[in-house]
């Protein structure tokens, strides 16, 4: 519970940092141009509302997934039914994506409109115990309302980027006496980078929570740890193509679906697998960990 509280505080602090960056851009535009802060904010809210409301359809379509019956995949249905019943939540819709790249994700604006998708690759790679660990993780993303969290973070980052581009194109709107044009230029250049880094940090924090809460739901942290080991190797051997629609939903997946070992940790949508596995093993051993 302490870990969960710490992650919640960290997420709140990261959102506070994003709002500080947004206010900084608002200060840069200043004066009459500050109206653009509201214009871009309203646009961001509208696009976020659309993405949030249709998050399940967007992700399912990107992965070309299809609904799967209990006759086709009885183990998947049985596991999700047992876990959702244990959590006292409705049964989500189940899908399978026809790719051998091993991965899974859950999406949907709330438990009543949730969907869980596994790729054919992950169903072939994992045994039933490991699959149970993965599905517990995915269900907790829905129960923790992580789709809403990621949607809001993406919206704020998008507004910041749009405002920064506007400021660079028009040279900023701040004409107040004593204003430093160089500082304004640096803010406009660095704000989108800062917003992206904070957005990705929020995503990584939510992954840690889903690991812990999913392991608590299944009662088997080592099963998820074992699954993550296999997924680290499997996603490296069979990465997804870096198509735009797949990149846009990659943060939903339990493992980074692309081959990008050279990408810095600050720009990763997922925490390092070694860290996640170590924390799950510590959880199984009853040892305290710090997120």
Protein backbone atom coordinates (compact mmCIF):
# COMPACT_ATOMS: atom_id res chain seq x y z
CA UNK A 1 0.00 0.00 0.00
CA UNK A 2 2.95 2.29 0.72
CA UNK A 3 4.29 1.71 -2.77
CA UNK A 4 0.91 2.54 -4.27
CA UNK A 5 0.72 5.77 -2.25
CA UNK A 6 4.26 6.70 -3.34
CA UNK A 7 3.42 6.12 -7.02
CA UNK A 8 0.24 8.15 -6.69
CA UNK A 9 2.18 11.05 -5.20
CA UNK A 10 4.81 10.74 -7.93
CA UNK A 11 2.15 10.84 -10.65
CA UNK A 12 0.59 13.94 -9.05
CA UNK A 13 4.00 15.62 -8.84
CA UNK A 14 4.69 14.86 -12.52
CA UNK A 15 1.34 16.36 -13.52
CA UNK A 16 2.24 19.42 -11.46
CA UNK A 17 5.47 19.72 -13.43
CA UNK A 18 3.57 19.52 -16.72
CA UNK A 19 1.22 22.31 -15.63
CA UNK A 20 4.25 24.41 -14.61
CA UNK A 21 5.67 24.00 -18.12
CA UNK A 22 2.29 24.91 -19.62
CA UNK A 23 2.09 28.05 -17.48
CA UNK A 24 5.63 28.92 -18.55
CA UNK A 25 4.59 28.80 -22.19
CA UNK A 26 1.57 30.93 -21.30
CA UNK A 27 3.91 33.48 -19.73
CA UNK A 28 6.09 33.45 -22.86
CA UNK A 29 3.16 34.23 -25.12
CA UNK A 30 1.98 36.89 -22.68
CA UNK A 31 -0.23 39.88 -23.40
CA UNK A 32 -2.97 39.55 -26.00
CA UNK A 33 -1.46 36.37 -27.41
CA UNK A 34 -2.31 34.59 -24.17
CA UNK A 35 -5.68 33.86 -25.74
CA UNK A 36 -3.92 31.19 -27.76
CA UNK A 37 -3.28 29.35 -24.51
CA UNK A 38 -7.02 28.86 -24.19
CA UNK A 39 -7.52 28.05 -27.87
CA UNK A 40 -4.91 25.29 -27.87
CA UNK A 41 -6.13 24.05 -24.50
CA UNK A 42 -9.67 23.70 -25.83
CA UNK A 43 -8.38 21.88 -28.91
CA UNK A 44 -6.35 19.60 -26.68
CA UNK A 45 -9.35 18.86 -24.49
CA UNK A 46 -11.50 18.05 -27.53
CA UNK A 47 -8.97 15.66 -29.05
CA UNK A 48 -8.35 14.04 -25.66
CA UNK A 49 -12.05 13.51 -25.10
CA UNK A 50 -12.34 11.82 -28.50
CA UNK A 51 -9.29 9.62 -27.91
CA UNK A 52 -10.39 8.71 -24.38
CA UNK A 53 -13.95 7.88 -25.41
CA UNK A 54 -12.76 5.74 -28.33
CA UNK A 55 -9.54 4.40 -26.81
CA UNK A 56 -10.62 0.76 -27.09
CA UNK A 57 -11.59 1.07 -30.77
CA UNK A 58 -8.39 2.95 -31.69
CA UNK A 59 -6.04 0.43 -30.09
CA UNK A 60 -7.94 -2.63 -31.33
CA UNK A 61 -7.97 -1.26 -34.87
CA UNK A 62 -4.24 -0.42 -34.77
CA UNK A 63 -3.43 -4.02 -33.79
CA UNK A 64 -5.92 -5.45 -36.32
CA UNK A 65 -7.37 -7.53 -33.52
CA UNK A 66 -10.54 -9.59 -33.64
CA UNK A 67 -12.95 -10.73 -30.91
CA UNK A 68 -12.10 -14.17 -29.58
CA UNK A 69 -14.64 -16.70 -28.34
CA UNK A 70 -14.32 -18.94 -25.30
CA UNK A 71 -14.30 -21.93 -27.63
CA UNK A 72 -11.17 -20.61 -29.38
CA UNK A 73 -9.24 -19.59 -26.25
CA UNK A 74 -10.82 -21.15 -23.15
CA UNK A 75 -7.80 -20.46 -20.89
CA UNK A 76 -7.80 -16.74 -21.68
CA UNK A 77 -11.53 -16.48 -20.99
CA UNK A 78 -11.29 -18.52 -17.80
CA UNK A 79 -8.41 -16.49 -16.39
CA UNK A 80 -9.98 -13.10 -17.13
CA UNK A 81 -13.34 -14.23 -15.74
CA UNK A 82 -11.73 -15.44 -12.51
CA UNK A 83 -9.66 -12.28 -12.05
CA UNK A 84 -12.48 -9.85 -12.88
CA UNK A 85 -14.77 -11.74 -10.50
CA UNK A 86 -12.13 -11.58 -7.75
CA UNK A 87 -11.82 -7.82 -8.34
CA UNK A 88 -15.65 -7.50 -8.40
CA UNK A 89 -15.52 -5.92 -11.83
CA UNK A 90 -17.37 -6.70 -15.07
CA UNK A 91 -15.88 -9.08 -17.62
CA UNK A 92 -14.08 -7.12 -20.38
CA UNK A 93 -14.25 -7.95 -24.07
CA UNK A 94 -11.42 -10.20 -25.24
CA UNK A 95 -9.46 -9.87 -28.49
CA UNK A 96 -6.54 -11.56 -30.23
CA UNK A 97 -4.18 -9.75 -32.59
CA UNK A 98 -2.81 -11.80 -35.51
CA UNK A 99 0.86 -11.04 -34.96
CA UNK A 100 3.61 -13.23 -33.57
CA UNK A 101 5.17 -10.23 -31.81
CA UNK A 102 4.48 -11.19 -28.17
CA UNK A 103 2.53 -8.53 -26.29
CA UNK A 104 -0.74 -7.68 -24.58
CA UNK A 105 -2.66 -4.56 -23.65
CA UNK A 106 -5.88 -3.41 -22.04
CA UNK A 107 -7.82 -0.32 -22.95
CA UNK A 108 -11.20 1.31 -22.50
CA UNK A 109 -12.49 4.36 -20.66
CA UNK A 110 -13.81 2.36 -17.67
CA UNK A 111 -14.32 -1.26 -16.52
CA UNK A 112 -17.74 -1.34 -18.20
CA UNK A 113 -16.18 -0.51 -21.59
CA UNK A 114 -12.87 -2.33 -21.32
CA UNK A 115 -11.10 -4.59 -23.78
CA UNK A 116 -8.15 -6.89 -23.23
CA UNK A 117 -6.06 -7.99 -26.20
CA UNK A 118 -3.34 -10.62 -26.48
CA UNK A 119 -1.25 -11.24 -29.55
CA UNK A 120 -0.95 -14.72 -30.99
CA UNK A 121 2.74 -14.45 -30.15
CA UNK A 122 2.22 -14.01 -26.40
CA UNK A 123 -0.34 -16.83 -26.27
CA UNK A 124 2.22 -19.14 -27.87
CA UNK A 125 5.12 -17.91 -25.72
CA UNK A 126 3.71 -18.03 -22.20
CA UNK A 127 2.38 -20.89 -20.10
CA UNK A 128 -0.97 -20.48 -18.36
CA UNK A 129 0.50 -19.29 -15.06
CA UNK A 130 2.54 -16.58 -16.80
CA UNK A 131 -0.43 -15.56 -18.93
CA UNK A 132 -2.46 -15.15 -15.74
CA UNK A 133 0.20 -12.76 -14.41
CA UNK A 134 0.10 -10.70 -17.62
CA UNK A 135 -3.70 -10.54 -17.68
CA UNK A 136 -3.77 -9.44 -14.03
CA UNK A 137 -1.40 -6.61 -14.92
CA UNK A 138 -3.57 -5.53 -17.85
CA UNK A 139 -6.81 -5.60 -15.88
CA UNK A 140 -5.28 -3.35 -13.22
CA UNK A 141 -4.54 -0.73 -15.87
CA UNK A 142 -8.29 -0.55 -16.43
CA UNK A 143 -9.23 -0.64 -12.74
CA UNK A 144 -6.65 2.06 -11.92
CA UNK A 145 -8.06 4.31 -14.69
CA UNK A 146 -4.65 4.51 -16.34
CA UNK A 147 -6.23 5.17 -19.75
CA UNK A 148 -7.61 8.43 -18.37
CA UNK A 149 -4.25 9.31 -16.81
CA UNK A 150 -2.32 8.70 -20.03
CA UNK A 151 -4.93 10.56 -22.10
CA UNK A 152 -4.71 13.66 -19.91
CA UNK A 153 -0.89 13.55 -19.93
CA UNK A 154 -0.88 13.25 -23.73
CA UNK A 155 -3.32 16.15 -24.02
CA UNK A 156 -1.24 18.50 -21.86
CA UNK A 157 1.95 17.51 -23.71
CA UNK A 158 0.19 18.17 -27.03
CA UNK A 159 -1.00 21.61 -25.92
CA UNK A 160 2.50 22.50 -24.74
CA UNK A 161 4.02 21.43 -28.06
CA UNK A 162 1.44 23.37 -30.08
CA UNK A 163 1.95 26.52 -28.02
CA UNK A 164 5.73 26.23 -28.28
CA UNK A 165 5.53 25.89 -32.07
CA UNK A 166 3.27 28.93 -32.18
CA UNK A 167 5.70 30.90 -30.01
CA UNK A 168 8.65 29.96 -32.22
CA UNK A 169 6.81 30.75 -35.44
CA UNK A 170 5.54 34.14 -34.31
CA UNK A 171 8.48 34.99 -32.07
CA UNK A 172 6.42 34.83 -28.90
CA UNK A 173 3.85 37.32 -27.68
CA UNK A 174 5.66 38.66 -24.64
CA UNK A 175 6.60 42.29 -25.26
CA UNK A 176 6.77 43.32 -21.61
CA UNK A 177 9.58 45.60 -20.51
CA UNK A 178 12.55 43.65 -19.21
CA UNK A 179 11.48 40.39 -20.86
CA UNK A 180 14.42 38.27 -21.97
CA UNK A 181 13.93 37.13 -25.59
CA UNK A 182 16.68 34.50 -25.28
CA UNK A 183 15.00 32.98 -22.23
CA UNK A 184 11.73 32.93 -24.13
CA UNK A 185 13.36 31.21 -27.10
CA UNK A 186 14.95 28.57 -24.87
CA UNK A 187 11.61 27.96 -23.14
CA UNK A 188 9.85 27.50 -26.48
CA UNK A 189 12.52 25.04 -27.64
CA UNK A 190 12.83 23.05 -24.43
CA UNK A 191 9.19 22.99 -23.28
CA UNK A 192 8.05 20.24 -25.73
CA UNK A 193 11.06 18.11 -24.74
CA UNK A 194 10.30 18.57 -21.05
CA UNK A 195 6.62 17.79 -21.58
CA UNK A 196 7.44 14.59 -23.47
CA UNK A 197 9.89 13.44 -20.80
CA UNK A 198 7.33 14.05 -18.04
CA UNK A 199 4.61 12.27 -20.04
CA UNK A 200 6.85 9.23 -20.44
CA UNK A 201 7.76 9.30 -16.75
CA UNK A 202 4.04 9.17 -15.91
CA UNK A 203 3.66 6.16 -18.20
CA UNK A 204 6.53 4.34 -16.48
CA UNK A 205 5.06 5.08 -13.04
CA UNK A 206 1.71 3.60 -14.05
CA UNK A 207 3.49 0.44 -15.27
CA UNK A 208 5.04 -0.08 -11.85
CA UNK A 209 1.61 0.27 -10.22
CA UNK A 210 0.02 -2.20 -12.65
CA UNK A 211 2.82 -4.69 -11.93
CA UNK A 212 2.32 -4.46 -8.18
CA UNK A 213 -1.47 -4.38 -8.23
CA UNK A 214 -1.71 -7.12 -10.86
CA UNK A 215 0.60 -9.34 -8.83
CA UNK A 216 -1.56 -8.69 -5.76
CA UNK A 217 -4.68 -9.61 -7.74
CA UNK A 218 -3.22 -12.93 -8.94
CA UNK A 219 -1.33 -13.58 -5.72
CA UNK A 220 1.68 -14.66 -7.80
CA UNK A 221 4.33 -11.96 -8.42
CA UNK A 222 6.84 -14.52 -9.71
CA UNK A 223 4.49 -15.54 -12.54
CA UNK A 224 4.52 -11.97 -13.89
CA UNK A 225 8.30 -11.75 -13.36
CA UNK A 226 8.75 -14.95 -15.40
CA UNK A 227 6.47 -13.60 -18.14
CA UNK A 228 8.42 -10.34 -18.33
CA UNK A 229 11.68 -12.26 -18.78
CA UNK A 230 10.22 -14.12 -21.74
CA UNK A 231 8.68 -10.96 -23.16
CA UNK A 232 11.99 -9.09 -23.02
CA UNK A 233 13.55 -11.73 -25.25
CA UNK A 234 10.44 -12.22 -27.38
CA UNK A 235 9.88 -8.55 -28.22
CA UNK A 236 13.54 -8.17 -29.14
CA UNK A 237 13.36 -11.18 -31.46
CA UNK A 238 9.97 -10.21 -32.95
CA UNK A 239 9.46 -6.42 -32.73
CA UNK A 240 6.45 -4.69 -34.20
CA UNK A 241 7.03 -2.40 -37.21
CA UNK A 242 7.32 1.23 -36.14
CA UNK A 243 4.21 2.37 -37.97
CA UNK A 244 2.57 5.56 -36.73
CA UNK A 245 -0.66 3.91 -35.55
CA UNK A 246 1.33 1.29 -33.61
CA UNK A 247 3.64 3.89 -32.07
CA UNK A 248 0.58 5.80 -30.86
CA UNK A 249 -0.70 2.80 -28.88
CA UNK A 250 2.65 1.29 -27.85
CA UNK A 251 2.45 2.82 -24.35
CA UNK A 252 -0.57 0.60 -23.66
CA UNK A 253 1.38 -2.63 -24.11
CA UNK A 254 2.94 -4.59 -21.28
CA UNK A 255 6.36 -4.56 -22.98
CA UNK A 256 7.98 -2.09 -25.35
CA UNK A 257 7.04 -3.62 -28.72
CA UNK A 258 9.89 -2.03 -30.69
CA UNK A 259 13.56 -2.82 -30.91
CA UNK A 260 15.13 0.27 -29.40
CA UNK A 261 17.85 -0.66 -26.94
CA UNK A 262 19.78 2.47 -27.81
CA UNK A 263 16.99 4.82 -26.77
CA UNK A 264 17.72 6.58 -23.50
CA UNK A 265 15.82 5.63 -20.38
CA UNK A 266 14.24 9.10 -20.18
CA UNK A 267 12.55 8.54 -23.56
CA UNK A 268 11.22 5.04 -22.85
CA UNK A 269 7.49 4.41 -22.43
CA UNK A 270 8.22 1.42 -20.16
CA UNK A 271 10.52 0.99 -17.16
CA UNK A 272 13.56 -1.28 -17.61
CA UNK A 273 12.52 -4.93 -17.45
CA UNK A 274 15.30 -5.67 -14.96
CA UNK A 275 13.83 -3.13 -12.52
CA UNK A 276 10.30 -4.48 -12.91
CA UNK A 277 11.43 -8.07 -12.42
CA UNK A 278 13.54 -7.18 -9.37
CA UNK A 279 10.61 -5.42 -7.72
CA UNK A 280 8.27 -8.33 -8.36
CA UNK A 281 10.80 -10.76 -6.90
CA UNK A 282 11.20 -8.50 -3.86
CA UNK A 283 7.41 -8.40 -3.53
CA UNK A 284 7.30 -12.20 -3.59
CA UNK A 285 10.00 -12.34 -0.95
CA UNK A 286 8.21 -9.86 1.27
CA UNK A 287 11.04 -7.35 1.08
CA UNK A 288 10.33 -3.66 0.82
CA UNK A 289 11.10 -1.88 -2.43
CA UNK A 290 11.12 1.78 -3.28
CA UNK A 291 9.47 2.96 -6.45
